[in-house]
């Protein structure tokens, strides 16, 4: 069974991958864990996509220095690397003031959700629901998740200055509302898209 753990980053997938002993490969291997391409899943693959509040994801990407050259993470998620290259490094204020999500967090998620030619089943799990749904992920992959411990976020948009909060919200607007409205955990069968989403 090919196990795929997917995300745009900032949602605990590095911790999960190490905990479960999942191998990380790059674009020259079988799987890029941040790939924007839903066609990478091989026959028999069992992908799990972890998503979260994009406001917190942006803060996590900045905290982990992904907003400085050479911007390889942006390249891996299929973001606008040329946009980021306007600067060698972005302060959080500069990035938020620019008003553009160069990592294309929402676009990445909905590309995986709405992939009409999908010939595999995929599970989506919200970061905030990991503690509840990790046993389900374990059954999905036939692995034990007993050692999993939910980690409180180090990146929290509610703890930054109010002016930055407003800029962060403006960056995502309606796309964040769509993301937060998604069920905490749901499964899509081959050919299914957004209209087929129900709580798992």
N, C-alpha and C. Protein backbone atom coordinates (compact mmCIF):
# COMPACT_ATOMS: atom_id res chain seq x y z
N UNK A 1 0.84 -1.20 0.00
CA UNK A 1 0.00 0.00 0.00
C UNK A 1 0.87 1.25 0.00
N UNK A 2 0.62 2.15 -0.93
CA UNK A 2 1.33 3.43 -0.95
C UNK A 2 0.59 4.43 -0.06
N UNK A 3 1.27 4.91 0.97
CA UNK A 3 0.68 5.88 1.90
C UNK A 3 1.13 7.27 1.50
N UNK A 4 0.17 8.16 1.31
CA UNK A 4 0.47 9.54 0.92
C UNK A 4 -0.04 10.47 2.03
N UNK A 5 0.85 11.23 2.62
CA UNK A 5 0.47 12.24 3.60
C UNK A 5 0.71 13.60 2.97
N UNK A 6 -0.37 14.32 2.71
CA UNK A 6 -0.31 15.52 1.88
C UNK A 6 -0.73 16.76 2.66
N UNK A 7 -0.17 17.90 2.28
CA UNK A 7 -0.55 19.18 2.87
C UNK A 7 0.25 20.28 2.18
N UNK A 8 -0.06 21.52 2.53
CA UNK A 8 0.78 22.63 2.10
C UNK A 8 1.75 23.04 3.19
N UNK A 9 1.76 22.32 4.30
CA UNK A 9 2.66 22.63 5.41
C UNK A 9 1.96 23.42 6.49
N UNK A 10 2.54 23.42 7.68
CA UNK A 10 1.99 24.18 8.79
C UNK A 10 0.82 23.51 9.46
N UNK A 11 0.68 22.17 9.28
CA UNK A 11 -0.45 21.45 9.89
C UNK A 11 -0.02 20.16 10.56
N UNK A 12 1.23 20.08 10.97
CA UNK A 12 1.68 18.94 11.77
C UNK A 12 2.05 17.69 11.00
N UNK A 13 2.17 17.78 9.68
CA UNK A 13 2.42 16.56 8.92
C UNK A 13 3.85 16.03 9.09
N UNK A 14 4.81 16.90 9.38
CA UNK A 14 6.18 16.41 9.63
C UNK A 14 6.19 15.53 10.87
N UNK A 15 5.51 15.96 11.92
CA UNK A 15 5.40 15.17 13.15
C UNK A 15 4.72 13.83 12.89
N UNK A 16 3.62 13.85 12.16
CA UNK A 16 2.89 12.61 11.86
C UNK A 16 3.76 11.67 11.03
N UNK A 17 4.44 12.21 10.04
CA UNK A 17 5.27 11.38 9.17
C UNK A 17 6.36 10.67 9.97
N UNK A 18 7.03 11.41 10.85
CA UNK A 18 8.09 10.82 11.65
C UNK A 18 7.51 9.81 12.65
N UNK A 19 6.38 10.13 13.24
CA UNK A 19 5.75 9.25 14.23
C UNK A 19 5.38 7.90 13.61
N UNK A 20 4.84 7.93 12.40
CA UNK A 20 4.37 6.71 11.75
C UNK A 20 5.43 6.06 10.87
N UNK A 21 6.61 6.68 10.78
CA UNK A 21 7.68 6.10 10.00
C UNK A 21 7.45 6.17 8.50
N UNK A 22 6.72 7.20 8.06
CA UNK A 22 6.47 7.36 6.63
C UNK A 22 7.69 7.98 5.96
N UNK A 23 8.03 7.50 4.80
CA UNK A 23 9.16 8.03 4.07
C UNK A 23 8.77 9.31 3.35
N UNK A 24 9.68 10.26 3.36
CA UNK A 24 9.48 11.49 2.61
C UNK A 24 10.31 11.42 1.34
N UNK A 25 9.67 11.59 0.21
CA UNK A 25 10.40 11.60 -1.04
C UNK A 25 10.21 12.94 -1.71
N UNK A 26 11.09 13.27 -2.61
CA UNK A 26 10.97 14.54 -3.32
C UNK A 26 10.38 14.32 -4.71
N UNK A 27 10.43 15.33 -5.53
CA UNK A 27 9.77 15.24 -6.83
C UNK A 27 10.45 14.25 -7.78
N UNK A 28 11.65 13.77 -7.42
CA UNK A 28 12.31 12.76 -8.23
C UNK A 28 11.92 11.35 -7.78
N UNK A 29 11.20 11.25 -6.65
CA UNK A 29 10.73 9.96 -6.16
C UNK A 29 9.27 9.75 -6.49
N UNK A 30 8.64 8.89 -5.75
CA UNK A 30 7.25 8.56 -6.02
C UNK A 30 6.29 9.63 -5.54
N UNK A 31 6.62 10.26 -4.42
CA UNK A 31 5.66 11.15 -3.78
C UNK A 31 6.33 12.43 -3.31
N UNK A 32 5.75 13.55 -3.61
CA UNK A 32 6.13 14.80 -2.97
C UNK A 32 5.02 15.13 -1.98
N UNK A 33 5.30 15.17 -0.67
CA UNK A 33 4.23 15.36 0.31
C UNK A 33 3.50 16.69 0.19
N UNK A 34 4.07 17.63 -0.56
CA UNK A 34 3.41 18.92 -0.74
C UNK A 34 2.99 19.15 -2.19
N UNK A 35 2.98 18.12 -2.99
CA UNK A 35 2.70 18.29 -4.41
C UNK A 35 1.31 18.86 -4.67
N UNK A 36 1.20 19.79 -5.61
CA UNK A 36 -0.12 20.31 -6.00
C UNK A 36 -0.79 19.44 -7.06
N UNK A 37 -0.16 18.34 -7.43
CA UNK A 37 -0.62 17.52 -8.55
C UNK A 37 -1.36 16.27 -8.07
N UNK A 38 -2.69 16.24 -8.18
CA UNK A 38 -3.46 15.08 -7.71
C UNK A 38 -3.25 13.82 -8.53
N UNK A 39 -2.52 13.91 -9.63
CA UNK A 39 -2.29 12.71 -10.45
C UNK A 39 -1.10 11.89 -9.95
N UNK A 40 -0.41 12.34 -8.90
CA UNK A 40 0.78 11.61 -8.43
C UNK A 40 0.42 10.30 -7.74
N UNK A 41 -0.84 10.16 -7.32
CA UNK A 41 -1.23 8.96 -6.55
C UNK A 41 -1.25 7.74 -7.47
N UNK A 42 -0.48 6.74 -7.09
CA UNK A 42 -0.38 5.53 -7.89
C UNK A 42 -1.53 4.57 -7.57
N UNK A 43 -1.79 3.60 -8.43
CA UNK A 43 -2.85 2.61 -8.17
C UNK A 43 -2.65 1.95 -6.80
N UNK A 44 -3.71 1.87 -6.04
CA UNK A 44 -3.64 1.30 -4.70
C UNK A 44 -3.22 2.28 -3.63
N UNK A 45 -2.96 3.53 -4.02
CA UNK A 45 -2.54 4.55 -3.07
C UNK A 45 -3.64 4.93 -2.10
N UNK A 46 -3.24 5.30 -0.87
CA UNK A 46 -4.20 5.70 0.17
C UNK A 46 -3.79 7.07 0.69
N UNK A 47 -4.18 8.14 0.00
CA UNK A 47 -3.77 9.48 0.42
C UNK A 47 -4.62 10.04 1.56
N UNK A 48 -3.93 10.77 2.44
CA UNK A 48 -4.58 11.56 3.49
C UNK A 48 -4.07 12.98 3.35
N UNK A 49 -4.99 13.93 3.23
CA UNK A 49 -4.64 15.35 3.09
C UNK A 49 -5.03 16.06 4.39
N UNK A 50 -4.05 16.67 5.05
CA UNK A 50 -4.31 17.42 6.28
C UNK A 50 -4.37 18.91 5.94
N UNK A 51 -5.45 19.57 6.34
CA UNK A 51 -5.59 20.99 6.09
C UNK A 51 -5.92 21.71 7.39
N UNK A 52 -5.90 23.01 7.35
CA UNK A 52 -6.17 23.77 8.57
C UNK A 52 -6.59 25.18 8.26
N UNK A 53 -6.57 26.02 9.28
CA UNK A 53 -6.87 27.44 9.11
C UNK A 53 -5.69 28.09 8.38
N UNK A 54 -5.90 28.62 7.18
CA UNK A 54 -4.77 29.18 6.43
C UNK A 54 -4.09 30.34 7.14
N UNK A 55 -4.79 31.02 8.04
CA UNK A 55 -4.16 32.11 8.77
C UNK A 55 -3.01 31.57 9.62
N UNK A 56 -3.26 30.47 10.31
CA UNK A 56 -2.21 29.85 11.12
C UNK A 56 -1.12 29.23 10.25
N UNK A 57 -1.50 28.71 9.10
CA UNK A 57 -0.51 28.11 8.22
C UNK A 57 0.49 29.15 7.74
N UNK A 58 0.01 30.33 7.37
CA UNK A 58 0.92 31.40 6.93
C UNK A 58 1.91 31.74 8.04
N UNK A 59 1.42 31.86 9.26
CA UNK A 59 2.31 32.18 10.38
C UNK A 59 3.33 31.07 10.61
N UNK A 60 2.90 29.83 10.45
CA UNK A 60 3.82 28.70 10.61
C UNK A 60 4.89 28.70 9.53
N UNK A 61 4.50 28.98 8.29
CA UNK A 61 5.48 29.03 7.21
C UNK A 61 6.51 30.13 7.44
N UNK A 62 6.04 31.27 7.97
CA UNK A 62 6.96 32.36 8.26
C UNK A 62 7.89 31.98 9.42
N UNK A 63 7.33 31.39 10.47
CA UNK A 63 8.13 31.01 11.64
C UNK A 63 9.22 30.00 11.28
N UNK A 64 8.94 29.16 10.30
CA UNK A 64 9.89 28.13 9.90
C UNK A 64 10.80 28.59 8.74
N UNK A 65 10.82 29.90 8.51
CA UNK A 65 11.76 30.53 7.57
C UNK A 65 11.53 30.12 6.11
N UNK A 66 10.30 29.80 5.75
CA UNK A 66 10.00 29.48 4.36
C UNK A 66 9.78 30.74 3.52
N UNK A 67 9.84 31.92 4.17
CA UNK A 67 9.66 33.17 3.44
C UNK A 67 10.99 33.88 3.23
N UNK A 68 12.02 33.07 3.04
CA UNK A 68 13.33 33.60 2.68
C UNK A 68 13.90 32.73 1.57
N UNK A 69 14.75 33.34 0.74
CA UNK A 69 15.35 32.64 -0.39
C UNK A 69 16.10 31.39 0.10
N UNK A 70 16.05 30.26 -0.65
CA UNK A 70 15.67 30.10 -2.05
C UNK A 70 14.21 29.69 -2.30
N UNK A 71 13.35 29.72 -1.29
CA UNK A 71 11.91 29.50 -1.46
C UNK A 71 11.57 28.12 -2.04
N UNK A 72 12.28 27.09 -1.59
CA UNK A 72 12.04 25.76 -2.12
C UNK A 72 10.68 25.22 -1.71
N UNK A 73 10.21 25.57 -0.50
CA UNK A 73 8.90 25.07 -0.08
C UNK A 73 7.81 25.62 -0.99
N UNK A 74 7.92 26.87 -1.35
CA UNK A 74 6.95 27.47 -2.28
C UNK A 74 6.94 26.71 -3.60
N UNK A 75 8.12 26.34 -4.07
CA UNK A 75 8.22 25.58 -5.31
C UNK A 75 7.53 24.22 -5.16
N UNK A 76 7.74 23.56 -4.03
CA UNK A 76 7.18 22.22 -3.81
C UNK A 76 5.66 22.23 -3.77
N UNK A 77 5.06 23.30 -3.25
CA UNK A 77 3.60 23.34 -3.16
C UNK A 77 2.97 23.91 -4.43
N UNK A 78 3.79 24.29 -5.39
CA UNK A 78 3.25 24.87 -6.63
C UNK A 78 2.83 26.30 -6.48
N UNK A 79 3.49 27.02 -5.57
CA UNK A 79 3.16 28.42 -5.35
C UNK A 79 3.81 29.35 -6.37
N UNK A 80 3.61 30.63 -6.14
CA UNK A 80 4.15 31.65 -7.05
C UNK A 80 5.55 32.03 -6.57
N UNK A 81 6.53 31.23 -6.96
CA UNK A 81 7.89 31.47 -6.49
C UNK A 81 8.47 32.77 -7.05
N UNK A 82 8.06 33.17 -8.24
CA UNK A 82 8.54 34.43 -8.80
C UNK A 82 8.03 35.62 -8.00
N UNK A 83 6.80 35.49 -7.49
CA UNK A 83 6.28 36.55 -6.64
C UNK A 83 7.10 36.70 -5.37
N UNK A 84 7.45 35.58 -4.75
CA UNK A 84 8.26 35.62 -3.53
C UNK A 84 9.65 36.18 -3.80
N UNK A 85 10.18 35.92 -4.97
CA UNK A 85 11.54 36.34 -5.28
C UNK A 85 11.69 37.84 -5.47
N UNK A 86 10.61 38.59 -5.30
CA UNK A 86 10.73 40.04 -5.31
C UNK A 86 11.61 40.50 -4.15
N UNK A 87 11.69 39.68 -3.11
CA UNK A 87 12.55 39.96 -1.97
C UNK A 87 13.37 38.71 -1.64
N UNK A 88 14.55 38.91 -1.07
CA UNK A 88 15.33 37.75 -0.62
C UNK A 88 14.76 37.18 0.66
N UNK A 89 14.08 38.02 1.41
CA UNK A 89 13.44 37.57 2.64
C UNK A 89 12.30 38.53 2.98
N UNK A 90 11.20 37.96 3.46
CA UNK A 90 10.03 38.76 3.82
C UNK A 90 9.87 38.78 5.33
N UNK A 91 9.70 39.97 5.89
CA UNK A 91 9.21 40.04 7.26
C UNK A 91 7.73 39.69 7.22
N UNK A 92 7.17 39.35 8.34
CA UNK A 92 5.75 39.03 8.37
C UNK A 92 4.92 40.23 7.93
N UNK A 93 5.30 41.41 8.39
CA UNK A 93 4.56 42.62 8.03
C UNK A 93 4.61 42.87 6.53
N UNK A 94 5.75 42.68 5.91
CA UNK A 94 5.87 42.88 4.46
C UNK A 94 4.99 41.89 3.70
N UNK A 95 5.01 40.64 4.14
CA UNK A 95 4.24 39.61 3.44
C UNK A 95 2.74 39.89 3.56
N UNK A 96 2.29 40.24 4.75
CA UNK A 96 0.87 40.50 4.95
C UNK A 96 0.43 41.77 4.22
N UNK A 97 1.27 42.79 4.23
CA UNK A 97 0.94 44.04 3.56
C UNK A 97 0.83 43.86 2.06
N UNK A 98 1.57 42.91 1.52
CA UNK A 98 1.53 42.63 0.09
C UNK A 98 0.17 42.08 -0.32
N UNK A 99 -0.47 41.36 0.60
CA UNK A 99 -1.84 40.92 0.38
C UNK A 99 -2.03 39.72 -0.52
N UNK A 100 -0.95 39.05 -0.91
CA UNK A 100 -1.06 37.91 -1.84
C UNK A 100 -0.50 36.65 -1.17
N UNK A 101 -1.26 35.57 -1.21
CA UNK A 101 -0.78 34.30 -0.68
C UNK A 101 0.03 33.60 -1.77
N UNK A 102 1.33 33.83 -1.77
CA UNK A 102 2.18 33.25 -2.80
C UNK A 102 2.29 31.73 -2.69
N UNK A 103 1.95 31.18 -1.54
CA UNK A 103 2.00 29.72 -1.38
C UNK A 103 0.73 29.04 -1.91
N UNK A 104 -0.30 29.83 -2.21
CA UNK A 104 -1.54 29.34 -2.81
C UNK A 104 -2.15 28.21 -1.98
N UNK A 105 -2.28 28.44 -0.69
CA UNK A 105 -2.75 27.42 0.24
C UNK A 105 -4.15 26.94 -0.10
N UNK A 106 -5.07 27.88 -0.28
CA UNK A 106 -6.45 27.49 -0.59
C UNK A 106 -6.56 26.82 -1.95
N UNK A 107 -5.87 27.35 -2.93
CA UNK A 107 -5.90 26.78 -4.28
C UNK A 107 -5.40 25.34 -4.27
N UNK A 108 -4.35 25.08 -3.50
CA UNK A 108 -3.77 23.75 -3.40
C UNK A 108 -4.82 22.76 -2.85
N UNK A 109 -5.46 23.13 -1.75
CA UNK A 109 -6.46 22.26 -1.13
C UNK A 109 -7.61 21.95 -2.08
N UNK A 110 -8.17 22.98 -2.69
CA UNK A 110 -9.36 22.75 -3.53
C UNK A 110 -9.00 22.08 -4.86
N UNK A 111 -7.74 22.15 -5.26
CA UNK A 111 -7.34 21.38 -6.44
C UNK A 111 -7.43 19.88 -6.12
N UNK A 112 -7.01 19.50 -4.91
CA UNK A 112 -7.09 18.10 -4.52
C UNK A 112 -8.55 17.67 -4.29
N UNK A 113 -9.37 18.56 -3.76
CA UNK A 113 -10.77 18.22 -3.51
C UNK A 113 -11.53 18.06 -4.83
N UNK A 114 -11.32 18.96 -5.75
CA UNK A 114 -12.16 19.03 -6.96
C UNK A 114 -11.56 18.34 -8.17
N UNK A 115 -10.58 17.49 -7.98
CA UNK A 115 -9.94 16.79 -9.08
C UNK A 115 -10.93 15.78 -9.70
N UNK A 116 -11.50 16.13 -10.84
CA UNK A 116 -12.60 15.35 -11.43
C UNK A 116 -12.14 13.99 -11.96
N UNK A 117 -10.87 13.86 -12.35
CA UNK A 117 -10.38 12.60 -12.94
C UNK A 117 -9.80 11.67 -11.88
N UNK A 118 -10.06 11.95 -10.61
CA UNK A 118 -9.48 11.10 -9.56
C UNK A 118 -9.98 9.66 -9.69
N UNK A 119 -9.06 8.70 -9.64
CA UNK A 119 -9.42 7.29 -9.71
C UNK A 119 -9.05 6.56 -8.42
N UNK A 120 -8.99 7.30 -7.32
CA UNK A 120 -8.64 6.73 -6.02
C UNK A 120 -9.50 7.40 -4.95
N UNK A 121 -9.54 6.79 -3.77
CA UNK A 121 -10.25 7.35 -2.63
C UNK A 121 -9.27 8.14 -1.77
N UNK A 122 -9.72 9.28 -1.28
CA UNK A 122 -8.84 10.16 -0.50
C UNK A 122 -9.55 10.63 0.76
N UNK A 123 -8.80 10.72 1.84
CA UNK A 123 -9.33 11.22 3.11
C UNK A 123 -8.76 12.62 3.39
N UNK A 124 -9.61 13.50 3.86
CA UNK A 124 -9.20 14.85 4.28
C UNK A 124 -9.46 14.99 5.78
N UNK A 125 -8.49 15.52 6.51
CA UNK A 125 -8.62 15.70 7.95
C UNK A 125 -8.17 17.10 8.33
N UNK A 126 -8.98 17.79 9.10
CA UNK A 126 -8.64 19.14 9.56
C UNK A 126 -7.67 19.04 10.75
N UNK A 127 -6.71 19.92 10.78
CA UNK A 127 -5.70 19.91 11.85
C UNK A 127 -6.34 19.87 13.23
N UNK A 128 -7.37 20.67 13.43
CA UNK A 128 -8.01 20.75 14.75
C UNK A 128 -8.69 19.45 15.16
N UNK A 129 -8.91 18.55 14.21
CA UNK A 129 -9.56 17.29 14.52
C UNK A 129 -8.64 16.09 14.55
N UNK A 130 -7.33 16.33 14.49
CA UNK A 130 -6.38 15.22 14.43
C UNK A 130 -6.47 14.30 15.64
N UNK A 131 -6.64 14.88 16.84
CA UNK A 131 -6.68 14.03 18.03
C UNK A 131 -7.86 13.07 17.99
N UNK A 132 -8.96 13.49 17.40
CA UNK A 132 -10.15 12.64 17.32
C UNK A 132 -10.04 11.64 16.18
N UNK A 133 -9.49 12.06 15.06
CA UNK A 133 -9.55 11.23 13.85
C UNK A 133 -8.26 10.48 13.53
N UNK A 134 -7.21 10.62 14.33
CA UNK A 134 -6.00 9.85 14.05
C UNK A 134 -6.24 8.34 14.09
N UNK A 135 -7.09 7.81 14.99
CA UNK A 135 -7.37 6.37 14.92
C UNK A 135 -7.98 5.97 13.57
N UNK A 136 -8.79 6.84 13.01
CA UNK A 136 -9.37 6.55 11.70
C UNK A 136 -8.29 6.55 10.62
N UNK A 137 -7.34 7.49 10.74
CA UNK A 137 -6.21 7.51 9.81
C UNK A 137 -5.41 6.21 9.94
N UNK A 138 -5.24 5.75 11.19
CA UNK A 138 -4.52 4.51 11.42
C UNK A 138 -5.18 3.32 10.74
N UNK A 139 -6.49 3.25 10.83
CA UNK A 139 -7.22 2.17 10.16
C UNK A 139 -7.10 2.30 8.64
N UNK A 140 -7.12 3.54 8.18
CA UNK A 140 -7.01 3.82 6.74
C UNK A 140 -5.71 3.24 6.18
N UNK A 141 -4.64 3.37 6.97
CA UNK A 141 -3.32 2.90 6.55
C UNK A 141 -2.91 1.57 7.18
N UNK A 142 -3.76 1.05 8.06
CA UNK A 142 -3.43 -0.19 8.77
C UNK A 142 -2.15 -0.04 9.58
N UNK A 143 -2.06 1.05 10.33
CA UNK A 143 -0.92 1.30 11.21
C UNK A 143 -1.45 1.74 12.57
N UNK A 144 -0.63 1.61 13.59
CA UNK A 144 -1.01 2.06 14.92
C UNK A 144 -0.72 3.55 15.08
N UNK A 145 -1.69 4.27 15.61
CA UNK A 145 -1.50 5.70 15.89
C UNK A 145 -1.59 5.97 17.39
N UNK A 146 -1.38 4.92 18.20
CA UNK A 146 -1.54 5.04 19.65
C UNK A 146 -0.58 6.05 20.27
N UNK A 147 0.58 6.23 19.65
CA UNK A 147 1.58 7.14 20.22
C UNK A 147 1.31 8.61 19.87
N UNK A 148 0.30 8.85 19.02
CA UNK A 148 0.04 10.23 18.60
C UNK A 148 -0.43 11.09 19.76
N UNK A 149 0.17 12.26 19.89
CA UNK A 149 -0.25 13.25 20.88
C UNK A 149 -0.47 14.58 20.18
N UNK A 150 -1.66 15.12 20.32
CA UNK A 150 -1.97 16.38 19.65
C UNK A 150 -1.13 17.50 20.25
N UNK A 151 -0.51 18.26 19.38
CA UNK A 151 0.35 19.36 19.82
C UNK A 151 -0.35 20.69 19.62
N UNK A 152 -0.41 21.47 20.69
CA UNK A 152 -1.01 22.79 20.59
C UNK A 152 -0.20 23.65 19.64
N UNK A 153 -0.88 24.43 18.83
CA UNK A 153 -0.21 25.25 17.81
C UNK A 153 0.76 26.24 18.44
N UNK A 154 1.92 26.37 17.82
CA UNK A 154 2.86 27.43 18.18
C UNK A 154 2.57 28.69 17.38
N UNK A 155 1.85 28.52 16.27
CA UNK A 155 1.48 29.66 15.42
C UNK A 155 -0.01 29.91 15.54
N UNK A 156 -0.38 31.04 16.13
CA UNK A 156 -1.79 31.35 16.38
C UNK A 156 -2.06 32.78 15.95
N UNK A 157 -2.90 32.94 14.92
CA UNK A 157 -3.14 34.27 14.37
C UNK A 157 -3.78 35.22 15.39
N UNK A 158 -4.43 34.66 16.41
CA UNK A 158 -5.09 35.50 17.42
C UNK A 158 -4.08 36.17 18.35
N UNK A 159 -2.82 35.76 18.28
CA UNK A 159 -1.80 36.31 19.18
C UNK A 159 -0.93 37.36 18.52
N UNK A 160 -1.18 37.66 17.26
CA UNK A 160 -0.40 38.71 16.59
C UNK A 160 -1.15 40.04 16.72
N UNK A 161 -0.51 41.16 16.48
CA UNK A 161 -1.19 42.47 16.61
C UNK A 161 -2.44 42.55 15.73
N UNK A 162 -3.41 43.31 16.19
CA UNK A 162 -4.70 43.40 15.51
C UNK A 162 -4.58 43.85 14.05
N UNK A 163 -3.69 44.80 13.78
CA UNK A 163 -3.54 45.27 12.40
C UNK A 163 -3.06 44.14 11.49
N UNK A 164 -2.18 43.30 12.02
CA UNK A 164 -1.71 42.16 11.23
C UNK A 164 -2.82 41.10 11.08
N UNK A 165 -3.63 40.95 12.08
CA UNK A 165 -4.77 40.03 11.98
C UNK A 165 -5.68 40.43 10.83
N UNK A 166 -5.95 41.72 10.72
CA UNK A 166 -6.83 42.21 9.66
C UNK A 166 -6.22 41.98 8.28
N UNK A 167 -4.92 42.22 8.15
CA UNK A 167 -4.25 41.98 6.88
C UNK A 167 -4.28 40.50 6.51
N UNK A 168 -4.08 39.65 7.51
CA UNK A 168 -4.08 38.20 7.28
C UNK A 168 -5.46 37.72 6.83
N UNK A 169 -6.50 38.24 7.47
CA UNK A 169 -7.86 37.86 7.08
C UNK A 169 -8.18 38.34 5.66
N UNK A 170 -7.72 39.54 5.33
CA UNK A 170 -7.99 40.10 4.00
C UNK A 170 -7.29 39.28 2.92
N UNK A 171 -6.18 38.64 3.25
CA UNK A 171 -5.42 37.86 2.28
C UNK A 171 -6.25 36.67 1.77
N UNK A 172 -7.10 36.10 2.64
CA UNK A 172 -7.85 34.90 2.27
C UNK A 172 -9.34 35.13 2.06
N UNK A 173 -9.92 36.00 2.82
CA UNK A 173 -11.31 36.40 2.60
C UNK A 173 -12.24 35.20 2.45
N UNK A 174 -12.91 35.08 1.28
CA UNK A 174 -13.91 34.03 1.08
C UNK A 174 -13.31 32.64 1.06
N UNK A 175 -12.07 32.49 0.62
CA UNK A 175 -11.46 31.16 0.56
C UNK A 175 -11.31 30.56 1.95
N UNK A 176 -11.02 31.40 2.95
CA UNK A 176 -10.92 30.89 4.32
C UNK A 176 -12.28 30.42 4.82
N UNK A 177 -13.32 31.15 4.48
CA UNK A 177 -14.67 30.73 4.89
C UNK A 177 -15.00 29.36 4.31
N UNK A 178 -14.62 29.12 3.07
CA UNK A 178 -14.87 27.82 2.44
C UNK A 178 -14.09 26.71 3.16
N UNK A 179 -12.86 27.01 3.53
CA UNK A 179 -12.04 26.01 4.22
C UNK A 179 -12.60 25.69 5.60
N UNK A 180 -12.93 26.73 6.36
CA UNK A 180 -13.44 26.50 7.72
C UNK A 180 -14.80 25.82 7.71
N UNK A 181 -15.54 25.96 6.61
CA UNK A 181 -16.86 25.33 6.51
C UNK A 181 -16.78 23.84 6.18
N UNK A 182 -15.60 23.36 5.79
CA UNK A 182 -15.45 21.95 5.47
C UNK A 182 -15.58 21.09 6.72
N UNK A 183 -16.11 19.87 6.58
CA UNK A 183 -16.17 18.96 7.73
C UNK A 183 -14.78 18.67 8.29
N UNK A 184 -14.71 18.28 9.54
CA UNK A 184 -13.42 17.99 10.17
C UNK A 184 -12.72 16.81 9.51
N UNK A 185 -13.50 15.84 9.06
CA UNK A 185 -12.94 14.68 8.38
C UNK A 185 -13.95 14.22 7.33
N UNK A 186 -13.48 13.99 6.11
CA UNK A 186 -14.36 13.49 5.07
C UNK A 186 -13.56 12.70 4.05
N UNK A 187 -14.26 11.84 3.34
CA UNK A 187 -13.64 10.96 2.35
C UNK A 187 -14.32 11.17 1.01
N UNK A 188 -13.52 11.26 -0.05
CA UNK A 188 -14.05 11.39 -1.40
C UNK A 188 -13.67 10.16 -2.22
N UNK A 189 -14.66 9.59 -2.88
CA UNK A 189 -14.45 8.43 -3.72
C UNK A 189 -14.01 8.88 -5.12
N UNK A 190 -13.56 7.93 -5.96
CA UNK A 190 -13.16 8.31 -7.31
C UNK A 190 -14.22 9.12 -8.04
N UNK A 191 -13.79 10.22 -8.63
CA UNK A 191 -14.69 11.06 -9.40
C UNK A 191 -15.50 12.05 -8.60
N UNK A 192 -15.49 11.93 -7.26
CA UNK A 192 -16.27 12.83 -6.44
C UNK A 192 -15.51 14.13 -6.19
N UNK A 193 -16.27 15.22 -6.02
CA UNK A 193 -15.69 16.51 -5.72
C UNK A 193 -16.39 17.17 -4.56
N UNK A 194 -16.36 18.49 -4.56
CA UNK A 194 -16.88 19.28 -3.44
C UNK A 194 -18.33 18.97 -3.12
N UNK A 195 -19.14 18.74 -4.13
CA UNK A 195 -20.57 18.51 -3.91
C UNK A 195 -20.88 17.21 -3.18
N UNK A 196 -19.90 16.31 -3.13
CA UNK A 196 -20.11 15.01 -2.48
C UNK A 196 -19.65 14.99 -1.03
N UNK A 197 -19.15 16.12 -0.51
CA UNK A 197 -18.56 16.14 0.83
C UNK A 197 -19.62 15.98 1.91
N UNK A 198 -19.39 15.01 2.80
CA UNK A 198 -20.17 14.83 4.00
C UNK A 198 -19.22 14.47 5.12
N UNK A 199 -19.63 14.71 6.37
CA UNK A 199 -18.77 14.39 7.51
C UNK A 199 -18.53 12.89 7.58
N UNK A 200 -17.27 12.50 7.75
CA UNK A 200 -16.92 11.07 7.84
C UNK A 200 -17.32 10.52 9.20
